[in-house]
């Protein structure tokens, strides 16, 4: 049970394009990016996102959401990785 002075940490996420610019070849990929309550990036998926679902409609819904989400600024892996103590890649 939470005490009155405790806050519930809500994690939000969206799809973002990350420019992978830390290796010899540069490429762009869609990842899930996670944020803390203040909107700061806390982590992102290590692997790019596969689009899978139980139906054609599932795939269409995911693609619609991705299309909306990726209209934001492209993130650079080199800048995300500068402070690994606060930001990290996750895999699942």
C-alpha atoms as a PDB file:
ATOM      1  CA  UNK A   1       0.000   0.000   0.000  1.00  0.00           C
ATOM      2  CA  UNK A   2       1.260   3.486  -0.845  1.00  0.00           C
ATOM      3  CA  UNK A   3       1.933   6.087   1.800  1.00  0.00           C
ATOM      4  CA  UNK A   4       0.435   9.545   1.283  1.00  0.00           C
ATOM      5  CA  UNK A   5       3.849  10.964   0.328  1.00  0.00           C
ATOM      6  CA  UNK A   6       4.577   8.322  -2.314  1.00  0.00           C
ATOM      7  CA  UNK A   7       3.942   9.036  -5.959  1.00  0.00           C
ATOM      8  CA  UNK A   8       2.936   6.455  -8.510  1.00  0.00           C
ATOM      9  CA  UNK A   9       5.452   6.405 -11.337  1.00  0.00           C
ATOM     10  CA  UNK A  10       3.619   6.109 -14.642  1.00  0.00           C
ATOM     11  CA  UNK A  11       5.641   5.036 -17.597  1.00  0.00           C
ATOM     12  CA  UNK A  12       4.597   6.172 -21.041  1.00  0.00           C
ATOM     13  CA  UNK A  13       5.998   5.101 -24.353  1.00  0.00           C
ATOM     14  CA  UNK A  14       5.685   5.628 -28.078  1.00  0.00           C
ATOM     15  CA  UNK A  15       7.290   4.583 -31.318  1.00  0.00           C
ATOM     16  CA  UNK A  16      10.263   6.698 -32.360  1.00  0.00           C
ATOM     17  CA  UNK A  17      12.740   6.608 -35.187  1.00  0.00           C
ATOM     18  CA  UNK A  18      16.290   6.249 -33.920  1.00  0.00           C
ATOM     19  CA  UNK A  19      19.213   7.090 -36.175  1.00  0.00           C
ATOM     20  CA  UNK A  20      21.885   4.494 -35.460  1.00  0.00           C
ATOM     21  CA  UNK A  21      25.042   6.523 -35.944  1.00  0.00           C
ATOM     22  CA  UNK A  22      27.533   4.781 -33.675  1.00  0.00           C
ATOM     23  CA  UNK A  23      28.702   2.070 -36.085  1.00  0.00           C
ATOM     24  CA  UNK A  24      30.371   2.159 -39.507  1.00  0.00           C
ATOM     25  CA  UNK A  25      27.069   2.055 -41.341  1.00  0.00           C
ATOM     26  CA  UNK A  26      24.355   4.543 -40.441  1.00  0.00           C
ATOM     27  CA  UNK A  27      20.736   3.411 -40.536  1.00  0.00           C
ATOM     28  CA  UNK A  28      17.315   4.381 -39.176  1.00  0.00           C
ATOM     29  CA  UNK A  29      14.906   2.069 -37.327  1.00  0.00           C
ATOM     30  CA  UNK A  30      11.658   2.275 -35.367  1.00  0.00           C
ATOM     31  CA  UNK A  31      11.928   1.490 -31.631  1.00  0.00           C
ATOM     32  CA  UNK A  32       9.696   1.742 -28.603  1.00  0.00           C
ATOM     33  CA  UNK A  33      10.918   4.615 -26.416  1.00  0.00           C
ATOM     34  CA  UNK A  34       9.910   4.920 -22.751  1.00  0.00           C
ATOM     35  CA  UNK A  35       9.558   8.114 -20.695  1.00  0.00           C
ATOM     36  CA  UNK A  36       9.344   9.018 -17.017  1.00  0.00           C
ATOM     37  CA  UNK A  37       6.679  11.277 -15.474  1.00  0.00           C
ATOM     38  CA  UNK A  38       8.542  14.407 -16.589  1.00  0.00           C
ATOM     39  CA  UNK A  39       8.754  13.246 -20.209  1.00  0.00           C
ATOM     40  CA  UNK A  40      12.471  12.387 -20.149  1.00  0.00           C
ATOM     41  CA  UNK A  41      13.571   9.292 -22.019  1.00  0.00           C
ATOM     42  CA  UNK A  42      14.414   6.478 -19.624  1.00  0.00           C
ATOM     43  CA  UNK A  43      15.058   3.612 -22.047  1.00  0.00           C
ATOM     44  CA  UNK A  44      14.303   2.184 -25.460  1.00  0.00           C
ATOM     45  CA  UNK A  45      14.067  -1.240 -27.063  1.00  0.00           C
ATOM     46  CA  UNK A  46      17.370  -2.721 -28.136  1.00  0.00           C
ATOM     47  CA  UNK A  47      15.954  -4.311 -31.252  1.00  0.00           C
ATOM     48  CA  UNK A  48      13.896  -2.553 -33.874  1.00  0.00           C
ATOM     49  CA  UNK A  49      10.164  -3.176 -33.762  1.00  0.00           C
ATOM     50  CA  UNK A  50       8.634  -6.125 -35.608  1.00  0.00           C
ATOM     51  CA  UNK A  51       5.073  -5.576 -36.706  1.00  0.00           C
ATOM     52  CA  UNK A  52       3.055  -8.637 -35.765  1.00  0.00           C
ATOM     53  CA  UNK A  53      -0.535  -9.221 -34.744  1.00  0.00           C
ATOM     54  CA  UNK A  54      -3.377 -11.691 -34.544  1.00  0.00           C
ATOM     55  CA  UNK A  55      -5.203 -10.179 -37.506  1.00  0.00           C
ATOM     56  CA  UNK A  56      -4.941  -7.798 -40.427  1.00  0.00           C
ATOM     57  CA  UNK A  57      -6.687  -5.176 -38.278  1.00  0.00           C
ATOM     58  CA  UNK A  58      -4.050  -5.561 -35.556  1.00  0.00           C
ATOM     59  CA  UNK A  59      -1.325  -4.814 -38.098  1.00  0.00           C
ATOM     60  CA  UNK A  60      -3.263  -1.847 -39.482  1.00  0.00           C
ATOM     61  CA  UNK A  61      -3.753  -0.419 -35.971  1.00  0.00           C
ATOM     62  CA  UNK A  62      -0.038  -0.726 -35.171  1.00  0.00           C
ATOM     63  CA  UNK A  63       0.913   0.919 -38.456  1.00  0.00           C
ATOM     64  CA  UNK A  64      -1.511   3.791 -37.832  1.00  0.00           C
ATOM     65  CA  UNK A  65      -0.025   4.403 -34.385  1.00  0.00           C
ATOM     66  CA  UNK A  66       3.519   4.191 -35.738  1.00  0.00           C
ATOM     67  CA  UNK A  67       2.672   6.679 -38.479  1.00  0.00           C
ATOM     68  CA  UNK A  68       1.419   9.156 -35.882  1.00  0.00           C
ATOM     69  CA  UNK A  69       4.326   8.620 -33.487  1.00  0.00           C
ATOM     70  CA  UNK A  70       7.205   8.857 -35.963  1.00  0.00           C
ATOM     71  CA  UNK A  71       6.254  12.375 -37.028  1.00  0.00           C
ATOM     72  CA  UNK A  72       8.319  13.617 -34.075  1.00  0.00           C
ATOM     73  CA  UNK A  73      12.022  14.423 -34.122  1.00  0.00           C
ATOM     74  CA  UNK A  74      14.396  11.607 -35.035  1.00  0.00           C
ATOM     75  CA  UNK A  75      16.491  10.539 -32.045  1.00  0.00           C
ATOM     76  CA  UNK A  76      20.229   9.897 -32.441  1.00  0.00           C
ATOM     77  CA  UNK A  77      21.651   6.798 -30.818  1.00  0.00           C
ATOM     78  CA  UNK A  78      24.928   8.611 -30.157  1.00  0.00           C
ATOM     79  CA  UNK A  79      23.128  11.213 -28.036  1.00  0.00           C
ATOM     80  CA  UNK A  80      20.926   8.659 -26.267  1.00  0.00           C
ATOM     81  CA  UNK A  81      23.965   6.603 -25.286  1.00  0.00           C
ATOM     82  CA  UNK A  82      25.982   9.476 -23.761  1.00  0.00           C
ATOM     83  CA  UNK A  83      24.596   8.886 -20.284  1.00  0.00           C
ATOM     84  CA  UNK A  84      24.020   5.134 -19.905  1.00  0.00           C
ATOM     85  CA  UNK A  85      23.485   5.414 -16.150  1.00  0.00           C
ATOM     86  CA  UNK A  86      20.178   7.203 -16.762  1.00  0.00           C
ATOM     87  CA  UNK A  87      19.216   5.716 -20.095  1.00  0.00           C
ATOM     88  CA  UNK A  88      19.487   2.138 -21.231  1.00  0.00           C
ATOM     89  CA  UNK A  89      18.385  -0.236 -23.911  1.00  0.00           C
ATOM     90  CA  UNK A  90      15.953  -2.964 -23.030  1.00  0.00           C
ATOM     91  CA  UNK A  91      15.169  -6.159 -24.858  1.00  0.00           C
ATOM     92  CA  UNK A  92      12.256  -8.503 -24.668  1.00  0.00           C
END
